[in-house]
Amino acid sequence: MFTLAAKQKGLQLIVYNDPDVPQYLKTDAVKLRQVLINLLNNALKFTREGNVTLQIVKDYEPCEEVDGCRLLFAVIDTGPASLLKS
């Protein structure tokens, strides 16, 4: 979905999925998908050169039977850092 947009801007799109991340998730898939789409769209929109990375890793806390695991999602880009200095 984002590969074409990245390629058109000359950006590298990197997806890092930690091997410890479970294959199946029990979550609100619609909301998670929408949040990730919005973050990736913004990263691609404001990045002029370099790359955009989606990183998914399992939290260091052990998984519990009832609560499951906590996953950490990060969108990292090489866009303008000046936006963060407000």
C-alpha atoms as a PDB file:
ATOM      1  CA  MET A   1       0.000   0.000   0.000  1.00  0.00           C
ATOM      2  CA  PHE A   2       2.815   2.434   0.837  1.00  0.00           C
ATOM      3  CA  THR A   3       5.540   0.982  -1.374  1.00  0.00           C
ATOM      4  CA  LEU A   4       4.372   2.886  -4.458  1.00  0.00           C
ATOM      5  CA  ALA A   5       4.151   6.228  -2.617  1.00  0.00           C
ATOM      6  CA  ALA A   6       7.639   5.737  -1.170  1.00  0.00           C
ATOM      7  CA  LYS A   7       9.067   4.713  -4.538  1.00  0.00           C
ATOM      8  CA  GLN A   8       7.534   7.744  -6.283  1.00  0.00           C
ATOM      9  CA  LYS A   9       9.281  10.060  -3.810  1.00  0.00           C
ATOM     10  CA  GLY A  10      12.557   8.133  -4.002  1.00  0.00           C
ATOM     11  CA  LEU A  11      12.244   6.990  -0.388  1.00  0.00           C
ATOM     12  CA  GLN A  12      13.090   3.633   1.087  1.00  0.00           C
ATOM     13  CA  LEU A  13      10.240   1.992   3.007  1.00  0.00           C
ATOM     14  CA  ILE A  14      11.497  -0.374   5.712  1.00  0.00           C
ATOM     15  CA  VAL A  15       9.322  -2.712   7.758  1.00  0.00           C
ATOM     16  CA  TYR A  16      10.988  -4.339  10.745  1.00  0.00           C
ATOM     17  CA  ASN A  17       8.899  -7.007  12.448  1.00  0.00           C
ATOM     18  CA  ASP A  18      10.759  -8.436  15.446  1.00  0.00           C
ATOM     19  CA  PRO A  19      10.859 -12.262  15.356  1.00  0.00           C
ATOM     20  CA  ASP A  20       9.428 -12.289  18.912  1.00  0.00           C
ATOM     21  CA  VAL A  21       6.182 -10.654  17.746  1.00  0.00           C
ATOM     22  CA  PRO A  22       3.362 -13.228  17.780  1.00  0.00           C
ATOM     23  CA  GLN A  23       1.935 -14.243  14.413  1.00  0.00           C
ATOM     24  CA  TYR A  24      -1.653 -13.548  15.518  1.00  0.00           C
ATOM     25  CA  LEU A  25      -3.011 -10.584  17.470  1.00  0.00           C
ATOM     26  CA  LYS A  26      -6.242 -10.073  19.334  1.00  0.00           C
ATOM     27  CA  THR A  27      -6.965  -6.376  18.984  1.00  0.00           C
ATOM     28  CA  ASP A  28      -9.249  -3.846  17.368  1.00  0.00           C
ATOM     29  CA  ALA A  29      -7.840  -4.369  13.892  1.00  0.00           C
ATOM     30  CA  VAL A  30      -9.740  -1.446  12.350  1.00  0.00           C
ATOM     31  CA  LYS A  31      -8.402   1.095  14.851  1.00  0.00           C
ATOM     32  CA  LEU A  32      -4.853  -0.248  14.789  1.00  0.00           C
ATOM     33  CA  ARG A  33      -4.848  -0.244  10.998  1.00  0.00           C
ATOM     34  CA  GLN A  34      -6.174   3.335  10.860  1.00  0.00           C
ATOM     35  CA  VAL A  35      -3.579   4.650  13.320  1.00  0.00           C
ATOM     36  CA  LEU A  36      -0.724   2.992  11.436  1.00  0.00           C
ATOM     37  CA  ILE A  37      -2.047   4.223   8.084  1.00  0.00           C
ATOM     38  CA  ASN A  38      -2.255   7.794   9.393  1.00  0.00           C
ATOM     39  CA  LEU A  39       1.255   7.689  10.883  1.00  0.00           C
ATOM     40  CA  LEU A  40       2.786   6.188   7.737  1.00  0.00           C
ATOM     41  CA  ASN A  41       0.944   8.627   5.461  1.00  0.00           C
ATOM     42  CA  ASN A  42       2.234  11.579   7.488  1.00  0.00           C
ATOM     43  CA  ALA A  43       5.773  10.203   7.523  1.00  0.00           C
ATOM     44  CA  LEU A  44       5.741   9.733   3.745  1.00  0.00           C
ATOM     45  CA  LYS A  45       4.152  13.142   3.210  1.00  0.00           C
ATOM     46  CA  PHE A  46       6.762  15.088   5.202  1.00  0.00           C
ATOM     47  CA  THR A  47       9.882  13.088   4.334  1.00  0.00           C
ATOM     48  CA  ARG A  48      11.750  14.423   1.330  1.00  0.00           C
ATOM     49  CA  GLU A  49      14.713  12.050   1.318  1.00  0.00           C
ATOM     50  CA  GLY A  50      15.963   8.991   3.133  1.00  0.00           C
ATOM     51  CA  ASN A  51      13.585   6.455   4.576  1.00  0.00           C
ATOM     52  CA  VAL A  52      10.442   5.692   6.519  1.00  0.00           C
ATOM     53  CA  THR A  53      10.497   2.727   8.881  1.00  0.00           C
ATOM     54  CA  LEU A  54       7.645   0.852  10.536  1.00  0.00           C
ATOM     55  CA  GLN A  55       9.052  -1.030  13.508  1.00  0.00           C
ATOM     56  CA  ILE A  56       7.073  -3.624  15.492  1.00  0.00           C
ATOM     57  CA  VAL A  57       8.633  -5.175  18.579  1.00  0.00           C
ATOM     58  CA  LYS A  58       7.416  -7.118  21.580  1.00  0.00           C
ATOM     59  CA  ASP A  59       7.748  -5.333  24.914  1.00  0.00           C
ATOM     60  CA  TYR A  60      10.425  -6.710  27.198  1.00  0.00           C
ATOM     61  CA  GLU A  61       7.825  -7.730  29.817  1.00  0.00           C
ATOM     62  CA  PRO A  62       6.953 -11.440  29.734  1.00  0.00           C
ATOM     63  CA  CYS A  63       3.624 -12.411  28.174  1.00  0.00           C
ATOM     64  CA  GLU A  64       0.807 -13.298  30.526  1.00  0.00           C
ATOM     65  CA  GLU A  65      -1.916 -15.799  29.721  1.00  0.00           C
ATOM     66  CA  VAL A  66      -4.762 -13.410  30.529  1.00  0.00           C
ATOM     67  CA  ASP A  67      -3.370 -10.069  29.392  1.00  0.00           C
ATOM     68  CA  GLY A  68      -1.201 -11.340  26.563  1.00  0.00           C
ATOM     69  CA  CYS A  69       1.772  -9.338  25.291  1.00  0.00           C
ATOM     70  CA  ARG A  70       2.299  -5.664  24.784  1.00  0.00           C
ATOM     71  CA  LEU A  71       3.586  -4.694  21.342  1.00  0.00           C
ATOM     72  CA  LEU A  72       5.345  -1.459  20.512  1.00  0.00           C
ATOM     73  CA  PHE A  73       4.777   0.176  17.126  1.00  0.00           C
ATOM     74  CA  ALA A  74       7.041   2.971  15.890  1.00  0.00           C
ATOM     75  CA  VAL A  75       7.087   4.977  12.689  1.00  0.00           C
ATOM     76  CA  ILE A  76      10.529   6.505  12.215  1.00  0.00           C
ATOM     77  CA  ASP A  77      11.432   8.818   9.366  1.00  0.00           C
ATOM     78  CA  THR A  78      14.179  11.096   8.159  1.00  0.00           C
ATOM     79  CA  GLY A  79      11.793  14.028   7.687  1.00  0.00           C
ATOM     80  CA  PRO A  80      12.303  17.558   9.002  1.00  0.00           C
ATOM     81  CA  ALA A  81      13.363  17.540  12.654  1.00  0.00           C
ATOM     82  CA  SER A  82      12.439  21.228  12.973  1.00  0.00           C
ATOM     83  CA  LEU A  83       8.792  20.213  13.387  1.00  0.00           C
ATOM     84  CA  LEU A  84       9.674  18.676  16.753  1.00  0.00           C
ATOM     85  CA  LYS A  85      11.224  21.851  18.173  1.00  0.00           C
ATOM     86  CA  SER A  86       7.980  23.771  18.783  1.00  0.00           C
END
